[in-house]
Amino acid sequence: MKEVSEDVMLNALKAAHEAIKIQCRVLNELTIETGKQEKREYCHEVNDEELRERIRQAVYQKCYDFSKQGIANKHQREDGFAAIKQEFIDANYTEETLTDEVKFMIDRYYHDTEREAMRDMVLNERTRLDGRQLDEIRPIWCETDYLPSAHGSAIFTRGETQSLSTCTLGTKLDEQKIDGAVIEGTRRFLLHYNFPGFATGEVKRSGSTSRREVGHGHLAWRALKEVLPTEEDCPYTIRVVSDILESNGSSSMATVCAGCMALMDAGVKLRKPVAGIAMGLISKGDKWAVLSDILGDEDHLGDMDFKVCGTRDGITACQMDIKVDGLSYDVLAKALEQARQGRLYILDKIAETIPAPREDYKDFVPRIEQIKIPKDFIGAVIGKGGEVIQKIQAETNTIINIEEEGEFGIVDVASQNKDDIAAALKWIKDICTVPEVGDVFDAKVVSIVEFGAFMEFLPGKEGLMHISEYEWGHPETLEGLIHVGDEFQVKVIAFDEKNGKIKLSRKALLPKPEGYQDEKPARNGNGGGRGGDRGRDRGGRGGDHGHGERRSSGDGGRRR
């Protein structure tokens, strides 16, 4: 959701409810048409009602009184409830009479009695298992830059639930590729949620990502993605990883809070901070109580787990699990408002830790700069088989990515060193430069020939500097004056449209010597250089009307 208000969300659910009623009516009509309206009940359990009642009479009040003590530590509560059950077993059974079947029955009936006692205590006393008020949030402790070597990191602890989240910034090459049945594309924001066994004190094998981890991670991803900056403002691929170090309810909401702070610690300019809170419900008849920031026990023994995430201005994501047939809109409205108040409280705690994103990224975060080039030059930048782009990356120590969008190529250049980025960008811009007459370039001598030198003045672009364009005067040869590899500035003076050659000049950039007179030496033809000033036209005999080029000839105008 895009920061919707509680009222808008409630009305949206009402509209959805009305639409679902139509679906349900159709299903009922189809059931009637098939003639199969009867319902069959089946229960595979074998029950001992006398044992059920004995357990309730023996332990209900003890569980009620123990729940009322308000013990905050999860393990102490577990040990206390386990002691009540063990006390009943010790008083009524011996090792011989406590068979596996009887123990199974005791566990089941004790669980039901404990659940009933805890729920009655909350409804009657209006207090919680850990002693909190119904709308009270557990103590919060959080810190950013917890792992100094990460691009961004934060730890968020709420009661006995703790998330350590990291943020890593990468290039477009790190984007997730989406290749679904009907959807293809990429995703530049990724969030991973890890829930190891030790988070709940268990010893178990670490396997592949579970369905629960996928779902919790996706909820946190949806909550945060709405406040991310645009790709123009933040060209990075962003990856957040939440490792749950301890869990006693609402670890996915701790991921939202820790992930938000890790993003800000990395310098990602979030539009607004986001927090999450899990709401619970205890209901019995006309009595009900909405609980803020529920414990694991309150989730297990209660009727609802309603996770709400958002900013100060509205909700960005939510998820609800319920164990009752339905909720009244009054209960839902109360839960949403109580969640809003809790969310604001948590956002205040986050603001105390990190009030705004970092002004700049950390020194070791790769910098990315983006430019646009004409689409026609994409091939020139990449080169045959990627030869050019690989050479640029190798010599400038950068990572370059090019994507075609419309009439342009979007070029991203990434490196930890700004000078390397500048060098790569200059190289790419030079490749895409179209030289014009009058432009001045730094050029390098590629080869020297009898009539001049070929110069590389842009990557992959060469021009000819004629011997007469090296300096004022008329050197007989360039040997000894320049060498292959020499670099100096040249000016573009002309384009030879016939063969596509570019004419360069060093002389045009040098001041003309005072009193200098340009005396062009006569050009010698075949056997030329001797007497005679009459010439014949190169294209025919005897032409003396100025058509064509005249040449000096020693035999009175022999045709060349």
Protein backbone atom coordinates (compact mmCIF):
# COMPACT_ATOMS: atom_id res chain seq x y z
CA MET A 1 0.00 0.00 0.00
CA LYS A 2 1.05 3.56 -0.61
CA GLU A 3 0.75 4.99 2.90
CA VAL A 4 -3.02 4.60 3.14
CA SER A 5 -4.87 5.79 6.23
CA GLU A 6 -6.61 3.44 8.64
CA ASP A 7 -10.02 4.68 7.48
CA VAL A 8 -9.21 4.04 3.82
CA MET A 9 -7.99 0.54 4.61
CA LEU A 10 -11.07 -0.28 6.69
CA ASN A 11 -13.36 0.89 3.89
CA ALA A 12 -11.34 -1.13 1.37
CA LEU A 13 -11.86 -4.26 3.47
CA LYS A 14 -15.58 -3.53 3.68
CA ALA A 15 -15.77 -3.21 -0.10
CA ALA A 16 -13.84 -6.47 -0.51
CA HIS A 17 -16.18 -8.17 1.98
CA GLU A 18 -19.22 -7.19 -0.06
CA ALA A 19 -17.59 -8.58 -3.20
CA ILE A 20 -16.74 -11.85 -1.46
CA LYS A 21 -20.35 -12.31 -0.33
CA ILE A 22 -21.33 -12.65 -4.01
CA GLN A 23 -18.73 -15.38 -4.48
CA CYS A 24 -19.96 -17.23 -1.39
CA ARG A 25 -23.58 -17.02 -2.55
CA VAL A 26 -22.64 -18.61 -5.89
CA LEU A 27 -20.83 -21.43 -4.11
CA ASN A 28 -23.88 -22.07 -1.92
CA GLU A 29 -26.14 -22.11 -4.97
CA LEU A 30 -23.89 -24.61 -6.71
CA THR A 31 -23.93 -26.79 -3.61
CA ILE A 32 -27.74 -26.81 -3.62
CA GLU A 33 -27.83 -27.67 -7.34
CA THR A 34 -25.60 -30.69 -6.80
CA GLY A 35 -27.95 -31.99 -4.09
CA LYS A 36 -25.10 -32.50 -1.62
CA GLN A 37 -25.89 -30.19 1.27
CA GLU A 38 -25.31 -32.54 4.16
CA LYS A 39 -22.22 -32.09 6.34
CA ARG A 40 -20.38 -35.02 7.81
CA GLU A 41 -18.42 -34.74 11.02
CA TYR A 42 -15.43 -36.90 11.69
CA CYS A 43 -13.03 -37.01 14.61
CA HIS A 44 -10.12 -39.40 14.74
CA GLU A 45 -9.34 -38.58 18.39
CA VAL A 46 -10.13 -40.81 21.31
CA ASN A 47 -10.95 -38.69 24.34
CA ASP A 48 -11.18 -39.30 28.07
CA GLU A 49 -13.70 -36.77 29.33
CA GLU A 50 -13.18 -37.78 32.98
CA LEU A 51 -9.42 -37.05 32.69
CA ARG A 52 -10.13 -33.77 30.90
CA GLU A 53 -12.34 -32.57 33.75
CA ARG A 54 -9.90 -33.72 36.43
CA ILE A 55 -7.07 -31.79 34.84
CA ARG A 56 -9.19 -28.66 34.51
CA GLN A 57 -10.24 -28.80 38.14
CA ALA A 58 -6.67 -29.35 39.29
CA VAL A 59 -4.69 -26.82 37.22
CA TYR A 60 -7.02 -24.07 35.89
CA GLN A 61 -6.69 -21.75 38.88
CA LYS A 62 -2.98 -22.41 39.21
CA CYS A 63 -2.47 -21.45 35.54
CA TYR A 64 -4.67 -18.38 36.00
CA ASP A 65 -2.71 -17.19 39.05
CA PHE A 66 0.64 -17.92 37.40
CA SER A 67 -0.37 -16.00 34.25
CA LYS A 68 -1.32 -13.08 36.47
CA GLN A 69 2.22 -12.79 37.91
CA GLY A 70 3.44 -10.97 34.80
CA ILE A 71 6.73 -12.78 34.24
CA ALA A 72 8.57 -11.17 31.32
CA ASN A 73 11.16 -13.89 30.68
CA LYS A 74 9.86 -16.45 28.20
CA HIS A 75 11.86 -19.38 29.58
CA GLN A 76 10.77 -18.70 33.13
CA ARG A 77 7.14 -18.73 32.03
CA GLU A 78 7.65 -21.98 30.14
CA ASP A 79 9.30 -23.57 33.18
CA GLY A 80 6.48 -22.33 35.46
CA PHE A 81 3.69 -23.78 33.31
CA ALA A 82 5.66 -27.03 32.87
CA ALA A 83 6.01 -27.29 36.67
CA ILE A 84 2.22 -27.03 37.14
CA LYS A 85 1.67 -29.90 34.70
CA GLN A 86 4.41 -31.99 36.27
CA GLU A 87 2.91 -31.41 39.73
CA PHE A 88 -0.41 -32.90 38.53
CA ILE A 89 1.37 -35.91 37.02
CA ASP A 90 3.43 -36.59 40.16
CA ALA A 91 0.30 -36.40 42.33
CA ASN A 92 -1.77 -38.80 40.22
CA TYR A 93 0.53 -41.22 38.39
CA THR A 94 3.47 -43.50 38.85
CA GLU A 95 5.96 -44.66 36.26
CA GLU A 96 3.88 -47.79 35.70
CA THR A 97 0.54 -46.00 35.26
CA LEU A 98 1.88 -43.11 33.14
CA THR A 99 1.68 -44.82 29.78
CA ASP A 100 2.44 -43.06 26.51
CA GLU A 101 -1.27 -42.89 25.70
CA VAL A 102 -2.11 -41.30 29.07
CA LYS A 103 0.77 -38.82 28.77
CA PHE A 104 -0.48 -37.82 25.31
CA MET A 105 -3.96 -37.16 26.75
CA ILE A 106 -2.52 -35.13 29.67
CA ASP A 107 -0.47 -32.94 27.32
CA ARG A 108 -3.51 -32.21 25.17
CA TYR A 109 -5.93 -31.42 28.00
CA TYR A 110 -3.36 -29.40 29.95
CA HIS A 111 -2.65 -27.25 26.90
CA ASP A 112 -6.38 -26.53 26.51
CA THR A 113 -6.70 -25.61 30.19
CA GLU A 114 -3.61 -23.38 30.13
CA ARG A 115 -4.97 -21.58 27.05
CA GLU A 116 -8.36 -21.03 28.69
CA ALA A 117 -6.83 -19.75 31.93
CA MET A 118 -4.47 -17.33 30.18
CA ARG A 119 -7.24 -15.94 27.97
CA ASP A 120 -9.62 -15.50 30.92
CA MET A 121 -6.90 -13.70 32.87
CA VAL A 122 -6.30 -11.20 30.04
CA LEU A 123 -10.02 -10.53 29.61
CA ASN A 124 -10.73 -10.21 33.33
CA GLU A 125 -7.59 -8.48 34.59
CA ARG A 126 -6.86 -6.43 31.41
CA THR A 127 -3.18 -7.24 31.77
CA ARG A 128 -0.71 -9.43 29.88
CA LEU A 129 1.39 -12.54 30.47
CA ASP A 130 4.50 -10.40 30.90
CA GLY A 131 2.74 -7.77 33.05
CA ARG A 132 2.25 -5.15 30.31
CA GLN A 133 -0.89 -3.15 29.64
CA LEU A 134 -2.91 -4.11 26.58
CA ASP A 135 -1.43 -1.34 24.40
CA GLU A 136 2.07 -1.26 25.91
CA ILE A 137 5.16 -1.92 23.76
CA ARG A 138 8.05 -3.97 25.08
CA PRO A 139 11.35 -2.18 25.85
CA ILE A 140 13.24 -1.25 22.67
CA TRP A 141 16.99 -1.07 22.16
CA CYS A 142 18.55 -0.39 18.77
CA GLU A 143 21.84 0.73 17.24
CA THR A 144 23.19 1.46 13.75
CA ASP A 145 26.60 0.84 12.17
CA TYR A 146 26.73 -2.30 14.30
CA LEU A 147 28.91 -4.10 11.72
CA PRO A 148 31.42 -1.42 10.56
CA SER A 149 32.54 -3.37 7.49
CA ALA A 150 29.02 -3.57 6.03
CA HIS A 151 27.67 -0.86 3.74
CA GLY A 152 24.88 -0.37 6.27
CA SER A 153 23.83 -2.29 9.39
CA ALA A 154 21.49 -2.03 12.36
CA ILE A 155 20.37 -4.13 15.29
CA PHE A 156 16.84 -3.82 16.62
CA THR A 157 15.71 -5.46 19.86
CA ARG A 158 12.14 -5.36 21.16
CA GLY A 159 11.71 -7.41 24.31
CA GLU A 160 13.11 -10.85 23.54
CA THR A 161 12.97 -10.44 19.75
CA GLN A 162 16.10 -9.26 17.97
CA SER A 163 17.03 -8.69 14.33
CA LEU A 164 20.50 -7.94 12.99
CA SER A 165 20.08 -6.49 9.50
CA THR A 166 22.66 -5.51 6.90
CA CYS A 167 22.35 -3.50 3.70
CA THR A 168 24.62 -4.05 0.69
CA LEU A 169 24.72 -1.75 -2.35
CA GLY A 170 25.61 -3.25 -5.72
CA THR A 171 25.47 -2.49 -9.43
CA LYS A 172 22.87 -3.38 -12.03
CA LEU A 173 24.71 -6.63 -12.58
CA ASP A 174 23.47 -7.69 -9.12
CA GLU A 175 19.76 -7.23 -9.91
CA GLN A 176 17.49 -10.21 -9.41
CA LYS A 177 16.17 -11.62 -12.66
CA ILE A 178 12.46 -12.41 -12.62
CA ASP A 179 11.52 -15.16 -15.08
CA GLY A 180 8.01 -16.24 -14.22
CA ALA A 181 5.23 -17.83 -16.23
CA VAL A 182 3.68 -14.45 -17.06
CA ILE A 183 6.19 -11.97 -15.63
CA GLU A 184 9.68 -11.17 -16.80
CA GLY A 185 11.97 -8.41 -15.64
CA THR A 186 14.40 -7.48 -12.89
CA ARG A 187 14.16 -6.43 -9.27
CA ARG A 188 16.62 -3.99 -7.77
CA PHE A 189 15.51 -4.30 -4.12
CA LEU A 190 15.95 -7.66 -2.41
CA LEU A 191 15.24 -8.64 1.20
CA HIS A 192 16.18 -11.94 2.81
CA TYR A 193 14.87 -13.11 6.19
CA ASN A 194 16.76 -15.84 8.04
CA PHE A 195 15.31 -17.63 11.08
CA PRO A 196 17.87 -20.10 12.50
CA GLY A 197 16.91 -22.65 15.12
CA PHE A 198 18.93 -20.98 17.88
CA ALA A 199 16.59 -17.96 17.72
CA THR A 200 14.09 -20.00 19.74
CA GLY A 201 16.62 -22.07 21.66
CA GLU A 202 16.40 -25.08 19.35
CA VAL A 203 19.18 -27.22 17.98
CA LYS A 204 18.35 -28.23 14.43
CA ARG A 205 19.85 -28.55 10.98
CA SER A 206 20.11 -25.44 8.81
CA GLY A 207 18.40 -26.33 5.56
CA SER A 208 16.93 -24.48 2.62
CA THR A 209 14.77 -21.41 3.06
CA SER A 210 11.44 -22.37 4.60
CA ARG A 211 7.99 -21.27 3.50
CA ARG A 212 7.73 -19.22 6.68
CA GLU A 213 11.00 -17.41 5.97
CA VAL A 214 9.91 -16.62 2.41
CA GLY A 215 6.58 -15.23 3.61
CA HIS A 216 8.01 -13.13 6.44
CA GLY A 217 10.73 -11.75 4.18
CA HIS A 218 8.22 -10.85 1.49
CA LEU A 219 6.05 -8.99 4.00
CA ALA A 220 9.03 -6.89 5.15
CA TRP A 221 10.04 -6.34 1.50
CA ARG A 222 6.59 -4.98 0.67
CA ALA A 223 6.65 -2.71 3.73
CA LEU A 224 9.97 -1.08 2.78
CA LYS A 225 9.88 -0.90 -1.02
CA GLU A 226 7.29 1.90 -1.07
CA VAL A 227 9.66 4.39 0.58
CA LEU A 228 12.78 3.67 -1.50
CA PRO A 229 14.17 6.49 -3.66
CA THR A 230 13.81 6.35 -7.43
CA GLU A 231 16.47 4.70 -9.55
CA GLU A 232 17.63 8.12 -10.73
CA ASP A 233 18.28 9.18 -7.13
CA CYS A 234 19.76 5.82 -6.10
CA PRO A 235 21.12 3.76 -9.03
CA TYR A 236 22.16 0.87 -6.77
CA THR A 237 20.82 -2.64 -6.47
CA ILE A 238 19.88 -2.85 -2.78
CA ARG A 239 20.03 -6.06 -0.74
CA VAL A 240 18.88 -6.24 2.88
CA VAL A 241 19.48 -9.38 4.96
CA SER A 242 17.77 -9.84 8.34
CA ASP A 243 19.18 -12.47 10.68
CA ILE A 244 16.90 -13.19 13.63
CA LEU A 245 19.14 -13.74 16.66
CA GLU A 246 16.33 -14.22 19.19
CA SER A 247 12.59 -14.53 18.78
CA ASN A 248 9.61 -14.15 21.06
CA GLY A 249 6.94 -12.90 18.70
CA SER A 250 6.89 -10.45 15.80
CA SER A 251 10.31 -11.14 14.28
CA SER A 252 9.09 -10.04 10.84
CA MET A 253 8.18 -6.64 12.29
CA ALA A 254 11.61 -6.42 13.91
CA THR A 255 13.01 -7.06 10.41
CA VAL A 256 11.07 -4.06 9.06
CA CYS A 257 12.49 -1.79 11.78
CA ALA A 258 16.07 -3.08 11.58
CA GLY A 259 15.96 -3.11 7.76
CA CYS A 260 14.79 0.50 7.70
CA MET A 261 17.65 1.62 9.93
CA ALA A 262 20.22 -0.42 7.96
CA LEU A 263 19.08 1.29 4.75
CA MET A 264 19.45 4.72 6.33
CA ASP A 265 22.85 3.76 7.78
CA ALA A 266 23.96 2.82 4.25
CA GLY A 267 23.00 6.28 2.98
CA VAL A 268 19.90 5.20 1.03
CA LYS A 269 17.66 8.27 0.97
CA LEU A 270 14.38 6.73 2.15
CA ARG A 271 11.43 9.06 1.70
CA LYS A 272 10.29 8.25 5.25
CA PRO A 273 11.20 5.75 7.98
CA VAL A 274 9.02 2.63 8.30
CA ALA A 275 8.18 0.57 11.38
CA GLY A 276 6.07 -2.53 11.99
CA ILE A 277 4.06 -3.92 14.88
CA ALA A 278 2.10 -7.14 15.44
CA MET A 279 -1.36 -6.93 17.04
CA GLY A 280 -3.16 -9.76 18.83
CA LEU A 281 -6.71 -10.50 19.94
CA ILE A 282 -8.30 -12.39 22.83
CA SER A 283 -12.06 -12.84 22.54
CA LYS A 284 -14.73 -14.81 24.40
CA GLY A 285 -18.39 -14.10 23.84
CA ASP A 286 -18.93 -10.35 24.05
CA LYS A 287 -15.55 -9.76 25.71
CA TRP A 288 -12.49 -8.97 23.66
CA ALA A 289 -9.09 -7.35 24.09
CA VAL A 290 -6.70 -6.08 21.42
CA LEU A 291 -3.04 -6.59 22.32
CA SER A 292 -0.12 -4.50 21.00
CA ASP A 293 3.26 -6.07 20.21
CA ILE A 294 2.26 -9.63 21.01
CA LEU A 295 4.47 -12.31 22.53
CA GLY A 296 4.95 -15.72 21.00
CA ASP A 297 2.62 -17.21 23.62
CA GLU A 298 -0.05 -14.60 22.91
CA ASP A 299 0.20 -15.45 19.21
CA HIS A 300 -0.06 -19.18 19.95
CA LEU A 301 -2.89 -18.96 22.48
CA GLY A 302 -4.71 -15.94 21.00
CA ASP A 303 -7.16 -15.46 18.14
CA MET A 304 -5.25 -13.12 15.81
CA ASP A 305 -1.85 -12.11 14.54
CA PHE A 306 -2.32 -8.83 12.66
CA LYS A 307 0.94 -7.33 11.40
CA VAL A 308 0.78 -3.65 10.36
CA CYS A 309 3.70 -1.71 8.82
CA GLY A 310 3.89 1.89 7.77
CA THR A 311 5.21 5.42 8.11
CA ARG A 312 3.85 8.24 10.24
CA ASP A 313 1.45 9.05 7.41
CA GLY A 314 0.00 5.67 6.57
CA ILE A 315 0.19 1.92 6.09
CA THR A 316 2.54 0.32 3.54
CA ALA A 317 1.87 -3.38 4.22
CA CYS A 318 -0.17 -5.66 6.46
CA GLN A 319 -0.88 -9.35 7.02
CA MET A 320 -3.45 -11.04 9.21
CA ASP A 321 -3.80 -14.58 10.54
CA ILE A 322 -6.99 -15.32 12.48
CA LYS A 323 -8.23 -18.41 14.32
CA VAL A 324 -11.85 -17.32 14.76
CA ASP A 325 -14.74 -17.33 12.30
CA GLY A 326 -14.50 -13.59 11.70
CA LEU A 327 -13.94 -10.14 13.15
CA SER A 328 -16.35 -7.28 13.69
CA TYR A 329 -15.43 -3.96 12.11
CA ASP A 330 -15.30 -2.44 15.61
CA VAL A 331 -12.54 -4.85 16.59
CA LEU A 332 -10.68 -4.24 13.34
CA ALA A 333 -10.94 -0.46 13.72
CA LYS A 334 -9.65 -0.72 17.30
CA ALA A 335 -6.73 -2.91 16.18
CA LEU A 336 -5.78 -0.50 13.38
CA GLU A 337 -5.84 2.56 15.64
CA GLN A 338 -3.90 0.79 18.38
CA ALA A 339 -1.37 -0.32 15.76
CA ARG A 340 -1.01 3.27 14.55
CA GLN A 341 -0.23 4.50 18.06
CA GLY A 342 2.30 1.71 18.57
CA ARG A 343 3.89 2.41 15.18
CA LEU A 344 4.38 6.07 16.07
CA TYR A 345 6.02 5.09 19.36
CA ILE A 346 8.46 2.77 17.57
CA LEU A 347 9.23 5.40 14.91
CA ASP A 348 10.16 7.80 17.72
CA LYS A 349 12.65 5.22 19.02
CA ILE A 350 14.12 4.79 15.55
CA ALA A 351 14.42 8.57 15.14
CA GLU A 352 16.35 8.77 18.42
CA THR A 353 18.87 6.29 16.99
CA ILE A 354 19.14 7.58 13.41
CA PRO A 355 17.00 10.65 12.63
CA ALA A 356 17.82 10.72 8.90
CA PRO A 357 19.78 8.76 6.27
CA ARG A 358 23.52 9.35 6.05
CA GLU A 359 24.45 12.39 3.98
CA ASP A 360 26.89 10.31 1.96
CA TYR A 361 27.73 6.67 1.47
CA LYS A 362 30.58 5.12 3.44
CA ASP A 363 34.04 5.37 1.93
CA PHE A 364 34.17 1.74 0.82
CA VAL A 365 30.76 1.75 -0.88
CA PRO A 366 31.15 1.54 -4.68
CA ARG A 367 30.21 4.83 -6.33
CA ILE A 368 27.99 4.76 -9.38
CA GLU A 369 27.70 7.51 -11.96
CA GLN A 370 25.29 7.39 -14.87
CA ILE A 371 25.39 9.01 -18.30
CA LYS A 372 23.35 8.76 -21.48
CA ILE A 373 24.90 8.12 -24.87
CA PRO A 374 23.28 7.97 -28.33
CA LYS A 375 22.02 4.48 -29.11
CA ASP A 376 24.20 4.35 -32.25
CA PHE A 377 27.36 4.41 -30.11
CA ILE A 378 26.47 1.46 -27.85
CA GLY A 379 28.20 -0.96 -30.22
CA ALA A 380 31.32 1.21 -30.37
CA VAL A 381 31.58 1.33 -26.57
CA ILE A 382 31.12 -2.43 -26.25
CA GLY A 383 33.37 -3.32 -29.18
CA LYS A 384 33.70 -6.57 -31.07
CA GLY A 385 33.06 -9.41 -28.65
CA GLY A 386 33.14 -6.92 -25.76
CA GLU A 387 36.76 -6.06 -26.45
CA VAL A 388 36.46 -2.30 -25.88
CA ILE A 389 34.32 -2.34 -22.72
CA GLN A 390 36.48 -5.05 -21.17
CA LYS A 391 39.59 -2.99 -21.87
CA ILE A 392 38.00 0.09 -20.27
CA GLN A 393 37.03 -1.90 -17.18
CA ALA A 394 40.45 -3.52 -16.86
CA GLU A 395 42.47 -0.31 -17.26
CA THR A 396 40.23 1.89 -15.08
CA ASN A 397 39.31 -0.75 -12.48
CA THR A 398 35.58 -0.11 -12.92
CA ILE A 399 32.37 -2.05 -13.54
CA ILE A 400 30.35 -0.81 -16.52
CA ASN A 401 26.79 -1.71 -17.43
CA ILE A 402 24.90 -0.50 -20.51
CA GLU A 403 21.16 -0.76 -21.12
CA GLU A 404 19.27 0.43 -24.15
CA GLU A 405 16.26 2.65 -23.45
CA GLY A 406 14.55 4.25 -26.43
CA GLU A 407 17.01 6.29 -28.42
CA PHE A 408 19.70 6.25 -25.73
CA GLY A 409 22.08 3.93 -23.99
CA ILE A 410 22.09 4.24 -20.19
CA VAL A 411 25.66 3.72 -18.97
CA ASP A 412 26.39 3.00 -15.29
CA VAL A 413 30.03 3.18 -14.16
CA ALA A 414 30.84 1.86 -10.69
CA SER A 415 34.06 1.94 -8.66
CA GLN A 416 35.26 2.77 -5.17
CA ASN A 417 37.66 5.33 -6.63
CA LYS A 418 36.22 8.55 -8.08
CA ASP A 419 39.28 9.12 -10.28
CA ASP A 420 38.76 5.70 -11.88
CA ILE A 421 35.13 6.57 -12.60
CA ALA A 422 36.18 9.88 -14.16
CA ALA A 423 38.73 8.13 -16.37
CA ALA A 424 36.18 5.56 -17.57
CA LEU A 425 33.56 8.23 -18.23
CA LYS A 426 36.04 10.30 -20.25
CA TRP A 427 36.97 7.24 -22.27
CA ILE A 428 33.31 6.50 -23.05
CA LYS A 429 32.53 10.12 -23.87
CA ASP A 430 35.52 10.26 -26.20
CA ILE A 431 34.26 7.20 -28.05
CA CYS A 432 30.89 8.89 -28.50
CA THR A 433 32.34 12.24 -29.58
CA VAL A 434 31.69 13.35 -33.17
CA PRO A 435 34.63 15.59 -34.17
CA GLU A 436 33.97 18.87 -35.95
CA VAL A 437 36.23 21.28 -37.79
CA GLY A 438 37.91 23.51 -35.22
CA ASP A 439 37.90 20.96 -32.37
CA VAL A 440 41.18 20.52 -30.50
CA PHE A 441 42.24 17.12 -29.12
CA ASP A 442 45.13 15.50 -27.31
CA ALA A 443 46.48 13.08 -29.91
CA LYS A 444 49.06 10.30 -30.00
CA VAL A 445 51.33 9.40 -32.90
CA VAL A 446 50.34 5.96 -34.19
CA SER A 447 52.57 5.71 -37.26
CA ILE A 448 54.90 7.92 -39.33
CA VAL A 449 54.88 7.85 -43.10
CA GLU A 450 56.76 9.77 -45.80
CA PHE A 451 54.06 12.41 -46.21
CA GLY A 452 53.05 12.85 -42.55
CA ALA A 453 51.85 11.01 -39.47
CA PHE A 454 48.68 9.21 -38.46
CA MET A 455 47.37 10.36 -35.07
CA GLU A 456 44.83 8.79 -32.71
CA PHE A 457 42.92 11.74 -31.28
CA LEU A 458 39.94 9.84 -29.84
CA PRO A 459 39.59 6.17 -28.85
CA GLY A 460 39.33 4.26 -32.10
CA LYS A 461 39.50 7.43 -34.24
CA GLU A 462 42.56 8.39 -36.30
CA GLY A 463 43.42 11.31 -38.59
CA LEU A 464 46.27 12.35 -40.83
CA MET A 465 48.61 15.17 -39.97
CA HIS A 466 50.34 16.07 -43.27
CA ILE A 467 54.03 16.90 -43.04
CA SER A 468 53.20 20.49 -43.93
CA GLU A 469 50.88 20.76 -40.92
CA TYR A 470 53.47 19.93 -38.29
CA GLU A 471 54.97 23.42 -37.97
CA TRP A 472 55.46 26.72 -39.79
CA GLY A 473 57.99 26.07 -42.45
CA HIS A 474 58.47 23.07 -44.69
CA PRO A 475 60.39 20.22 -43.05
CA GLU A 476 61.68 17.67 -45.50
CA THR A 477 60.82 14.79 -43.15
CA LEU A 478 59.26 14.15 -39.73
CA GLU A 479 61.94 11.69 -38.77
CA GLY A 480 63.75 12.91 -35.69
CA LEU A 481 61.02 15.48 -34.99
CA ILE A 482 58.40 13.07 -33.66
CA HIS A 483 58.28 9.42 -32.69
CA VAL A 484 55.54 6.82 -32.41
CA GLY A 485 53.85 7.28 -29.03
CA ASP A 486 54.49 11.02 -28.78
CA GLU A 487 51.49 13.02 -27.61
CA PHE A 488 50.59 16.64 -28.42
CA GLN A 489 47.55 18.69 -29.29
CA VAL A 490 46.12 18.86 -32.80
CA LYS A 491 43.25 20.69 -34.42
CA VAL A 492 40.72 19.30 -36.86
CA ILE A 493 41.06 21.41 -40.02
CA ALA A 494 39.09 19.48 -42.65
CA PHE A 495 37.28 16.30 -43.61
CA ASP A 496 38.07 14.44 -46.78
CA GLU A 497 34.57 13.46 -47.81
CA LYS A 498 35.87 11.24 -50.63
CA ASN A 499 37.66 8.75 -48.40
CA GLY A 500 36.33 9.76 -45.00
CA LYS A 501 39.72 10.82 -43.67
CA ILE A 502 40.09 13.51 -41.04
CA LYS A 503 42.81 16.14 -41.53
CA LEU A 504 44.68 17.29 -38.46
CA SER A 505 47.12 20.12 -37.85
CA ARG A 506 49.62 20.92 -35.14
CA LYS A 507 50.73 24.07 -36.97
CA ALA A 508 47.25 25.62 -36.62
CA LEU A 509 47.76 25.76 -32.85
CA LEU A 510 51.20 27.43 -33.06
CA PRO A 511 51.67 31.22 -33.36
CA LYS A 512 52.73 32.29 -36.84
CA PRO A 513 56.31 33.64 -36.81
CA GLU A 514 56.57 37.37 -37.39
CA GLY A 515 57.33 38.24 -41.02
CA TYR A 516 56.78 34.65 -42.10
CA GLN A 517 56.05 34.22 -45.82
CA ASP A 518 54.59 31.01 -47.04
CA GLU A 519 56.56 30.05 -50.14
CA LYS A 520 55.14 26.94 -51.68
CA PRO A 521 57.76 24.93 -53.56
CA ALA A 522 56.98 23.92 -57.11
CA ARG A 523 55.55 20.43 -57.39
CA ASN A 524 57.49 18.23 -59.78
CA GLY A 525 55.80 16.15 -62.45
CA ASN A 526 57.29 13.30 -64.43
CA GLY A 527 60.69 14.55 -65.59
CA GLY A 528 59.68 17.97 -64.26
CA GLY A 529 61.72 20.81 -62.94
CA ARG A 530 63.27 21.97 -66.24
CA GLY A 531 62.27 25.16 -68.19
CA GLY A 532 59.08 25.85 -69.97
CA ASP A 533 56.05 27.49 -68.51
CA ARG A 534 53.43 26.26 -70.89
CA GLY A 535 51.25 23.50 -69.78
CA ARG A 536 48.61 21.34 -71.25
CA ASP A 537 45.41 20.41 -69.48
CA ARG A 538 45.69 17.09 -67.66
CA GLY A 539 42.47 15.91 -69.23
CA GLY A 540 43.24 16.69 -72.91
CA ARG A 541 45.62 18.19 -75.42
CA GLY A 542 46.60 21.85 -75.69
CA GLY A 543 43.94 23.22 -73.35
CA ASP A 544 45.08 26.65 -72.21
CA HIS A 545 41.84 28.10 -71.03
CA GLY A 546 42.41 27.39 -67.37
CA HIS A 547 40.60 24.03 -67.37
CA GLY A 548 42.32 21.59 -65.09
CA GLU A 549 45.64 21.75 -63.29
CA ARG A 550 48.73 23.14 -65.01
CA ARG A 551 52.02 21.45 -64.49
CA SER A 552 55.56 22.71 -65.26
CA SER A 553 57.15 20.55 -67.94
CA GLY A 554 60.55 20.57 -69.61
CA ASP A 555 59.22 19.53 -73.05
CA GLY A 556 56.79 22.37 -73.56
CA GLY A 557 53.69 20.74 -72.12
CA ARG A 558 53.74 16.96 -72.50
CA ARG A 559 50.49 15.42 -71.26
CA ARG A 560 50.89 13.45 -67.98
